[in-house]
Amino acid sequence: MIISDYIQTIAGSFILISLVLGYFIHEYFYFFTFFVGLNLFQSGISGFCPLAKILKRMGL
């Protein structure tokens, strides 16, 4: 897998988990979904992705 595959998998997992937590636990977990979506949007426009830098430092 290349680094963009890891980013898409992690972001998708975070979104699904936060949606489930928002539905079953508390609605404030939806803000995490918003944050992940906003980060994906800004990284698509600017090309800067903090998760990519973290994954590169981990050696992926």
N, C-alpha and C. Protein backbone atom coordinates (compact mmCIF):
# COMPACT_ATOMS: atom_id res chain seq x y z
N MET A 1 0.85 -1.19 0.00
CA MET A 1 0.00 0.00 0.00
C MET A 1 0.89 1.25 0.00
N ILE A 2 0.42 2.24 -0.73
CA ILE A 2 1.13 3.52 -0.70
C ILE A 2 0.51 4.40 0.38
N ILE A 3 1.16 5.51 0.67
CA ILE A 3 0.76 6.34 1.82
C ILE A 3 -0.66 6.91 1.66
N SER A 4 -1.07 7.20 0.44
CA SER A 4 -2.43 7.73 0.25
C SER A 4 -3.48 6.68 0.56
N ASP A 5 -3.16 5.40 0.33
CA ASP A 5 -4.09 4.33 0.70
C ASP A 5 -4.26 4.25 2.21
N TYR A 6 -3.15 4.40 2.94
CA TYR A 6 -3.23 4.42 4.40
C TYR A 6 -4.07 5.60 4.89
N ILE A 7 -3.87 6.77 4.29
CA ILE A 7 -4.62 7.96 4.70
C ILE A 7 -6.11 7.77 4.47
N GLN A 8 -6.48 7.25 3.32
CA GLN A 8 -7.89 7.03 3.02
C GLN A 8 -8.50 5.99 3.96
N THR A 9 -7.76 4.94 4.27
CA THR A 9 -8.26 3.90 5.17
C THR A 9 -8.43 4.43 6.59
N ILE A 10 -7.45 5.16 7.07
CA ILE A 10 -7.53 5.71 8.43
C ILE A 10 -8.64 6.76 8.53
N ALA A 11 -8.72 7.66 7.55
CA ALA A 11 -9.75 8.70 7.58
C ALA A 11 -11.15 8.07 7.50
N GLY A 12 -11.32 7.10 6.64
CA GLY A 12 -12.62 6.42 6.54
C GLY A 12 -12.99 5.71 7.82
N SER A 13 -12.02 5.08 8.46
CA SER A 13 -12.28 4.41 9.73
C SER A 13 -12.66 5.41 10.82
N PHE A 14 -11.93 6.53 10.88
CA PHE A 14 -12.26 7.56 11.86
C PHE A 14 -13.67 8.10 11.66
N ILE A 15 -14.06 8.31 10.42
CA ILE A 15 -15.40 8.84 10.13
C ILE A 15 -16.47 7.83 10.56
N LEU A 16 -16.29 6.56 10.19
CA LEU A 16 -17.28 5.55 10.56
C LEU A 16 -17.37 5.38 12.07
N ILE A 17 -16.23 5.34 12.75
CA ILE A 17 -16.24 5.20 14.21
C ILE A 17 -16.90 6.38 14.88
N SER A 18 -16.61 7.59 14.42
CA SER A 18 -17.21 8.77 15.06
C SER A 18 -18.71 8.85 14.77
N LEU A 19 -19.15 8.38 13.62
CA LEU A 19 -20.59 8.34 13.36
C LEU A 19 -21.31 7.36 14.28
N VAL A 20 -20.71 6.21 14.49
CA VAL A 20 -21.31 5.22 15.40
C VAL A 20 -21.32 5.77 16.83
N LEU A 21 -20.20 6.37 17.26
CA LEU A 21 -20.15 6.94 18.61
C LEU A 21 -21.14 8.09 18.76
N GLY A 22 -21.29 8.89 17.72
CA GLY A 22 -22.25 9.99 17.77
C GLY A 22 -23.68 9.51 17.89
N TYR A 23 -23.96 8.41 17.25
CA TYR A 23 -25.33 7.87 17.29
C TYR A 23 -25.63 7.19 18.63
N PHE A 24 -24.67 6.41 19.12
CA PHE A 24 -24.93 5.60 20.31
C PHE A 24 -24.49 6.26 21.62
N ILE A 25 -23.45 7.10 21.61
CA ILE A 25 -22.91 7.64 22.85
C ILE A 25 -23.35 9.08 23.07
N HIS A 26 -22.84 10.00 22.22
CA HIS A 26 -23.17 11.40 22.37
C HIS A 26 -22.99 12.11 21.04
N GLU A 27 -23.86 13.07 20.79
CA GLU A 27 -23.85 13.75 19.49
C GLU A 27 -22.62 14.62 19.27
N TYR A 28 -21.87 14.93 20.29
CA TYR A 28 -20.65 15.73 20.11
C TYR A 28 -19.56 15.00 19.33
N PHE A 29 -19.67 13.68 19.21
CA PHE A 29 -18.71 12.94 18.39
C PHE A 29 -18.83 13.31 16.92
N TYR A 30 -19.94 13.90 16.51
CA TYR A 30 -20.09 14.34 15.12
C TYR A 30 -19.11 15.47 14.79
N PHE A 31 -18.65 16.21 15.79
CA PHE A 31 -17.65 17.24 15.54
C PHE A 31 -16.33 16.62 15.08
N PHE A 32 -16.02 15.42 15.56
CA PHE A 32 -14.83 14.73 15.09
C PHE A 32 -14.96 14.36 13.62
N THR A 33 -16.16 13.93 13.22
CA THR A 33 -16.42 13.65 11.80
C THR A 33 -16.21 14.90 10.98
N PHE A 34 -16.71 16.03 11.45
CA PHE A 34 -16.53 17.30 10.77
C PHE A 34 -15.04 17.66 10.65
N PHE A 35 -14.28 17.45 11.72
CA PHE A 35 -12.85 17.76 11.72
C PHE A 35 -12.10 16.91 10.70
N VAL A 36 -12.40 15.62 10.65
CA VAL A 36 -11.73 14.75 9.69
C VAL A 36 -12.08 15.16 8.25
N GLY A 37 -13.35 15.45 8.01
CA GLY A 37 -13.76 15.89 6.68
C GLY A 37 -13.11 17.21 6.29
N LEU A 38 -13.03 18.13 7.23
CA LEU A 38 -12.40 19.42 6.97
C LEU A 38 -10.91 19.25 6.67
N ASN A 39 -10.25 18.35 7.39
CA ASN A 39 -8.84 18.09 7.14
C ASN A 39 -8.63 17.46 5.77
N LEU A 40 -9.50 16.55 5.36
CA LEU A 40 -9.41 15.96 4.03
C LEU A 40 -9.61 17.03 2.96
N PHE A 41 -10.54 17.93 3.19
CA PHE A 41 -10.81 19.01 2.24
C PHE A 41 -9.60 19.93 2.09
N GLN A 42 -9.03 20.37 3.21
CA GLN A 42 -7.89 21.29 3.13
C GLN A 42 -6.66 20.61 2.55
N SER A 43 -6.48 19.32 2.83
CA SER A 43 -5.31 18.63 2.26
C SER A 43 -5.48 18.42 0.76
N GLY A 44 -6.71 18.29 0.30
CA GLY A 44 -6.95 18.18 -1.13
C GLY A 44 -6.66 19.48 -1.86
N ILE A 45 -6.94 20.59 -1.21
CA ILE A 45 -6.71 21.90 -1.82
C ILE A 45 -5.24 22.32 -1.70
N SER A 46 -4.68 22.18 -0.50
CA SER A 46 -3.33 22.71 -0.27
C SER A 46 -2.22 21.70 -0.51
N GLY A 47 -2.53 20.42 -0.44
CA GLY A 47 -1.50 19.40 -0.59
C GLY A 47 -0.77 19.07 0.69
N PHE A 48 -1.11 19.74 1.79
CA PHE A 48 -0.49 19.49 3.08
C PHE A 48 -1.38 18.58 3.91
N CYS A 49 -0.84 17.45 4.34
CA CYS A 49 -1.60 16.51 5.16
C CYS A 49 -0.77 16.12 6.38
N PRO A 50 -1.22 16.50 7.57
CA PRO A 50 -0.48 16.17 8.79
C PRO A 50 -0.33 14.66 8.99
N LEU A 51 -1.36 13.89 8.64
CA LEU A 51 -1.29 12.44 8.80
C LEU A 51 -0.22 11.84 7.91
N ALA A 52 -0.02 12.38 6.73
CA ALA A 52 1.03 11.89 5.84
C ALA A 52 2.40 12.08 6.46
N LYS A 53 2.61 13.23 7.08
CA LYS A 53 3.90 13.48 7.74
C LYS A 53 4.11 12.51 8.90
N ILE A 54 3.07 12.24 9.67
CA ILE A 54 3.17 11.30 10.78
C ILE A 54 3.49 9.90 10.27
N LEU A 55 2.81 9.48 9.23
CA LEU A 55 3.04 8.14 8.67
C LEU A 55 4.45 8.01 8.08
N LYS A 56 4.94 9.07 7.47
CA LYS A 56 6.29 9.04 6.91
C LYS A 56 7.32 8.91 8.02
N ARG A 57 7.11 9.60 9.13
CA ARG A 57 8.04 9.51 10.28
C ARG A 57 8.00 8.13 10.91
N MET A 58 6.85 7.45 10.80
CA MET A 58 6.74 6.09 11.33
C MET A 58 7.39 5.07 10.40
N GLY A 59 7.77 5.49 9.20
CA GLY A 59 8.46 4.61 8.29
C GLY A 59 7.59 3.93 7.26
N LEU A 60 6.38 4.40 7.08
CA LEU A 60 5.50 3.77 6.08
C LEU A 60 5.78 4.35 4.72
